N, C-alpha and C. Protein backbone atom coordinates (compact mmCIF):
# COMPACT_ATOMS: atom_id res chain seq x y z
N MET A 1 -11.72 4.49 -16.52
CA MET A 1 -11.38 4.60 -15.34
C MET A 1 -10.67 3.81 -14.87
N ALA A 2 -9.44 3.21 -14.18
CA ALA A 2 -9.32 2.24 -13.01
C ALA A 2 -9.58 2.61 -11.63
N LYS A 3 -9.55 1.46 -11.31
CA LYS A 3 -10.29 1.32 -9.69
C LYS A 3 -9.43 0.09 -9.10
N PHE A 4 -8.63 0.24 -7.88
CA PHE A 4 -8.20 0.01 -7.71
C PHE A 4 -8.45 -1.24 -6.19
N LYS A 5 -8.48 -2.87 -6.48
CA LYS A 5 -8.96 -3.67 -5.59
C LYS A 5 -8.26 -3.96 -4.85
N GLY A 6 -7.29 -2.85 -4.17
CA GLY A 6 -6.26 -3.47 -2.96
C GLY A 6 -5.49 -4.19 -2.90
N PHE A 7 -4.24 -4.51 -1.50
CA PHE A 7 -3.20 -5.69 -2.66
C PHE A 7 -3.90 -6.61 -1.48
N ASN A 8 -2.99 -8.15 -2.79
CA ASN A 8 -2.72 -9.36 -3.19
C ASN A 8 -2.39 -9.59 -1.48
N THR A 9 -2.52 -10.87 -1.40
CA THR A 9 -1.57 -11.48 0.11
C THR A 9 -0.06 -11.33 -0.16
N GLN A 10 0.51 -11.30 -1.46
CA GLN A 10 1.97 -11.36 -1.53
C GLN A 10 2.14 -10.08 -1.13
N GLN A 11 1.27 -8.77 -1.73
CA GLN A 11 2.04 -7.67 -1.89
C GLN A 11 1.93 -7.02 -0.61
N THR A 12 0.42 -7.50 0.39
CA THR A 12 0.07 -7.10 1.74
C THR A 12 1.34 -6.89 2.23
N TYR A 13 2.13 -8.61 1.88
CA TYR A 13 3.29 -9.21 3.09
C TYR A 13 4.15 -8.54 3.01
N GLN A 14 4.83 -8.29 1.71
CA GLN A 14 5.80 -7.45 1.61
C GLN A 14 6.06 -6.05 1.97
N LEU A 15 4.34 -5.72 2.06
CA LEU A 15 4.22 -3.94 2.89
C LEU A 15 4.85 -5.06 4.56
N LEU A 16 3.87 -5.21 5.48
CA LEU A 16 3.91 -5.95 6.29
C LEU A 16 5.40 -5.90 6.57
N THR A 17 6.00 -6.57 6.35
CA THR A 17 7.33 -6.92 6.75
C THR A 17 8.55 -5.85 6.56
N GLU A 18 7.60 -5.24 5.83
CA GLU A 18 8.61 -3.25 6.45
C GLU A 18 8.45 -2.86 7.11
N LEU A 19 7.24 -3.57 7.74
CA LEU A 19 6.47 -2.54 9.12
C LEU A 19 7.25 -3.56 10.29
N GLY A 20 7.71 -4.54 10.38
CA GLY A 20 8.16 -5.61 11.48
C GLY A 20 7.06 -6.69 11.56
N TYR A 21 6.47 -7.17 10.38
CA TYR A 21 5.79 -7.93 10.52
C TYR A 21 7.01 -10.05 9.77
N ASP A 22 7.00 -10.38 10.73
CA ASP A 22 7.83 -12.37 10.59
C ASP A 22 7.54 -12.84 10.11
N GLY A 23 5.86 -12.61 10.45
CA GLY A 23 5.50 -14.39 10.27
C GLY A 23 5.90 -14.33 8.75
N PRO A 24 4.49 -15.84 8.21
CA PRO A 24 4.24 -16.08 6.95
C PRO A 24 3.84 -15.72 6.36
N ALA A 25 2.95 -16.14 4.96
CA ALA A 25 2.45 -14.63 4.17
C ALA A 25 1.05 -15.49 4.57
N ARG A 26 0.78 -15.33 5.30
CA ARG A 26 -1.29 -16.17 5.51
C ARG A 26 -1.79 -14.90 5.49
N GLN A 27 -2.84 -14.59 5.34
CA GLN A 27 -3.67 -14.08 5.83
C GLN A 27 -4.43 -13.13 6.79
N ASP A 28 -4.15 -14.50 7.32
CA ASP A 28 -4.86 -14.74 9.05
C ASP A 28 -4.33 -13.82 9.65
N GLN A 29 -2.48 -14.75 9.23
CA GLN A 29 -1.26 -14.02 10.39
C GLN A 29 -0.73 -13.02 10.87
N MET A 30 -1.53 -12.45 9.28
CA MET A 30 -0.59 -10.95 9.22
C MET A 30 -2.52 -10.16 9.75
N ASP A 31 -3.19 -10.16 9.09
CA ASP A 31 -4.47 -9.91 10.37
C ASP A 31 -4.65 -9.17 11.00
N ALA A 32 -3.79 -10.69 12.18
CA ALA A 32 -3.95 -10.84 13.47
C ALA A 32 -3.03 -9.53 13.70
N PHE A 33 -1.95 -9.08 13.06
CA PHE A 33 -0.62 -8.43 13.30
C PHE A 33 -1.58 -7.32 12.67
N VAL A 34 -1.87 -7.27 11.80
CA VAL A 34 -1.97 -5.59 12.01
C VAL A 34 -3.04 -4.86 12.91
N ALA A 35 -4.35 -6.02 13.80
CA ALA A 35 -5.18 -5.94 14.65
C ALA A 35 -4.35 -5.53 15.58
N ALA A 36 -3.23 -6.44 16.13
CA ALA A 36 -2.37 -5.80 17.26
C ALA A 36 -1.81 -5.43 17.80
N THR A 37 -1.07 -4.58 16.34
CA THR A 37 -0.06 -2.69 15.79
C THR A 37 -0.64 -2.42 15.52
N PRO A 38 -0.94 -0.77 16.32
CA PRO A 38 -1.51 0.00 15.83
C PRO A 38 -1.13 0.95 14.69
N SER A 39 0.34 0.54 14.78
CA SER A 39 1.71 1.80 13.98
C SER A 39 1.14 1.61 12.83
N ALA A 40 1.17 -0.65 12.88
CA ALA A 40 1.11 -1.19 10.62
C ALA A 40 0.14 -0.88 11.06
N GLY A 41 -0.99 -1.19 11.08
CA GLY A 41 -2.09 -0.75 10.59
C GLY A 41 -2.69 0.83 9.63
N SER A 42 -2.25 1.64 10.61
CA SER A 42 -2.14 2.68 10.31
C SER A 42 -1.40 3.10 9.24
N MET A 43 -0.34 2.64 9.33
CA MET A 43 0.85 2.35 7.65
C MET A 43 0.38 2.20 6.59
N LEU A 44 -0.48 0.78 6.63
CA LEU A 44 -0.10 -0.20 5.77
C LEU A 44 -2.27 0.71 5.37
N GLY A 45 -2.56 1.16 5.97
CA GLY A 45 -3.89 2.37 5.63
C GLY A 45 -3.43 3.41 4.84
N ARG A 46 -2.59 3.98 5.32
CA ARG A 46 -1.66 5.41 4.34
C ARG A 46 -1.58 4.34 2.92
N TYR A 47 -0.78 3.25 2.74
CA TYR A 47 -0.26 3.04 1.68
C TYR A 47 -1.56 2.82 0.94
N THR A 48 -2.86 1.83 1.46
CA THR A 48 -3.76 1.46 0.55
C THR A 48 -4.15 2.74 0.07
N GLU A 49 -3.88 4.38 1.05
CA GLU A 49 -5.28 5.36 0.59
C GLU A 49 -4.10 5.50 -0.46
N ILE A 50 -2.85 5.76 -0.09
CA ILE A 50 -1.95 5.95 -1.39
C ILE A 50 -2.70 5.67 -3.34
N ALA A 51 -1.85 4.43 -3.08
CA ALA A 51 -1.97 3.29 -4.06
C ALA A 51 -3.62 3.25 -4.76
N LYS A 52 -4.51 3.66 -3.78
CA LYS A 52 -5.46 3.97 -4.82
C LYS A 52 -6.03 5.74 -4.93
N GLN A 53 -5.59 6.47 -4.36
CA GLN A 53 -5.37 7.68 -5.13
C GLN A 53 -4.27 7.66 -6.20
N ARG A 54 -3.75 7.05 -5.76
CA ARG A 54 -2.44 7.25 -7.44
C ARG A 54 -3.39 6.26 -8.94
N ILE A 55 -3.94 5.19 -8.34
CA ILE A 55 -4.09 4.85 -9.56
C ILE A 55 -5.32 4.96 -10.35
N GLU A 56 -6.05 5.37 -8.76
CA GLU A 56 -8.23 6.01 -9.67
C GLU A 56 -7.66 7.71 -10.43
N GLY A 57 -6.17 8.43 -10.25
CA GLY A 57 -5.97 9.90 -10.56
C GLY A 57 -6.28 10.64 -10.16
N GLY A 58 -6.23 10.14 -8.90
CA GLY A 58 -6.46 11.32 -7.90
C GLY A 58 -5.11 12.43 -7.58
N PRO A 59 -5.15 13.29 -6.98
CA PRO A 59 -4.13 14.28 -6.66
C PRO A 59 -3.56 13.15 -5.74
N LEU A 60 -2.20 13.54 -5.42
CA LEU A 60 -1.11 13.27 -4.37
C LEU A 60 -1.12 14.18 -3.10
N SER A 61 -1.56 14.94 -2.66
CA SER A 61 -1.80 16.16 -1.69
C SER A 61 -2.95 15.83 -0.62
N GLY A 62 -2.72 16.36 -0.07
CA GLY A 62 -4.12 16.58 0.82
C GLY A 62 -3.26 14.80 2.29
N ILE A 63 -2.39 14.78 1.62
CA ILE A 63 -2.37 12.68 2.28
C ILE A 63 -0.94 12.83 2.92
N GLY A 64 -0.51 14.39 3.03
CA GLY A 64 0.65 14.11 4.18
C GLY A 64 1.83 13.93 3.28
N MET A 65 2.16 14.69 2.33
CA MET A 65 3.61 14.10 1.44
C MET A 65 3.52 15.29 0.42
N SER A 66 4.52 16.09 0.47
CA SER A 66 4.92 17.08 -0.46
C SER A 66 4.88 16.37 -2.26
N ASP A 67 4.65 17.13 -2.80
CA ASP A 67 4.95 17.43 -4.44
C ASP A 67 6.41 17.85 -5.09
N GLY A 68 6.94 16.81 -5.22
CA GLY A 68 7.68 16.51 -5.80
C GLY A 68 7.77 15.37 -6.80
N GLY A 69 9.21 15.07 -7.50
CA GLY A 69 9.72 14.60 -7.95
C GLY A 69 10.14 12.33 -7.67
N ALA A 70 11.64 13.28 -6.17
CA ALA A 70 11.52 12.05 -5.28
C ALA A 70 10.86 11.72 -4.16
N VAL A 71 9.13 11.85 -3.98
CA VAL A 71 8.74 10.68 -3.23
C VAL A 71 7.62 10.08 -4.68
N LYS A 72 7.32 11.39 -6.19
CA LYS A 72 6.44 10.54 -6.97
C LYS A 72 7.31 9.37 -7.55
N LYS A 73 9.01 8.89 -7.75
CA LYS A 73 9.80 8.76 -8.29
C LYS A 73 9.76 7.62 -7.12
N LEU A 74 9.61 7.51 -6.26
CA LEU A 74 10.00 6.28 -5.08
C LEU A 74 8.33 5.59 -5.12
N LEU A 75 6.98 6.48 -5.56
CA LEU A 75 5.93 5.37 -4.94
C LEU A 75 5.46 5.09 -5.97
N LEU A 76 6.19 5.37 -7.25
CA LEU A 76 5.82 4.64 -8.65
C LEU A 76 6.64 3.28 -8.84
N GLU A 77 7.75 4.00 -8.30
CA GLU A 77 8.64 2.22 -7.56
C GLU A 77 8.05 1.14 -6.77
N SER A 78 7.45 1.41 -6.13
CA SER A 78 6.89 1.01 -4.74
C SER A 78 5.95 0.08 -6.06
N MET A 79 5.25 0.81 -6.59
CA MET A 79 3.97 0.20 -7.40
C MET A 79 4.11 -0.98 -7.97
N ALA A 80 5.57 -0.06 -8.53
CA ALA A 80 6.03 -1.09 -9.95
C ALA A 80 6.23 -2.67 -8.68
N LEU A 81 6.94 -2.71 -7.99
CA LEU A 81 7.50 -3.82 -7.41
C LEU A 81 6.31 -4.31 -6.47
N LEU A 82 5.55 -4.04 -6.76
CA LEU A 82 4.30 -4.87 -6.24
C LEU A 82 3.99 -5.13 -6.82
N LYS A 83 4.17 -4.74 -7.95
CA LYS A 83 2.75 -5.32 -9.13
C LYS A 83 1.70 -4.78 -9.15
N VAL A 84 0.95 -3.35 -8.03
CA VAL A 84 -0.39 -3.35 -7.98
C VAL A 84 -1.39 -3.56 -8.44
N THR A 85 -2.54 -4.00 -8.67
CA THR A 85 -3.27 -4.96 -9.60
C THR A 85 -4.34 -3.77 -9.92
N VAL A 86 -4.48 -2.94 -11.35
CA VAL A 86 -5.71 -2.39 -11.47
C VAL A 86 -6.64 -2.89 -12.23
N ILE A 87 -7.81 -2.50 -12.47
CA ILE A 87 -9.33 -3.20 -13.33
C ILE A 87 -9.02 -1.60 -13.92
N HIS A 88 -9.16 -1.68 -15.28
CA HIS A 88 -10.19 -0.71 -16.01
C HIS A 88 -11.85 -1.51 -16.46
N LEU A 89 -12.46 -0.64 -15.47
CA LEU A 89 -13.94 -0.33 -16.42
C LEU A 89 -15.10 0.23 -17.42
């Protein structure tokens, strides 16, 4: 079964730029932004949970998203764009 390892630095940077981050792709500065911006931290947590459930085969229901083709397509396209890291055990 595949396990979600989390987002790498570049993936985190890409997600945070969509949430208003305009600094460099340095983990310490991104962590400081997340700590100082509760809404960005919350959204990053949701993105992480969605990716984890998707990679590990969990249902998408229960995370505040409707079941539907457009939402699933957008999530899959986002994951492909971010090149989400997957390991198989």
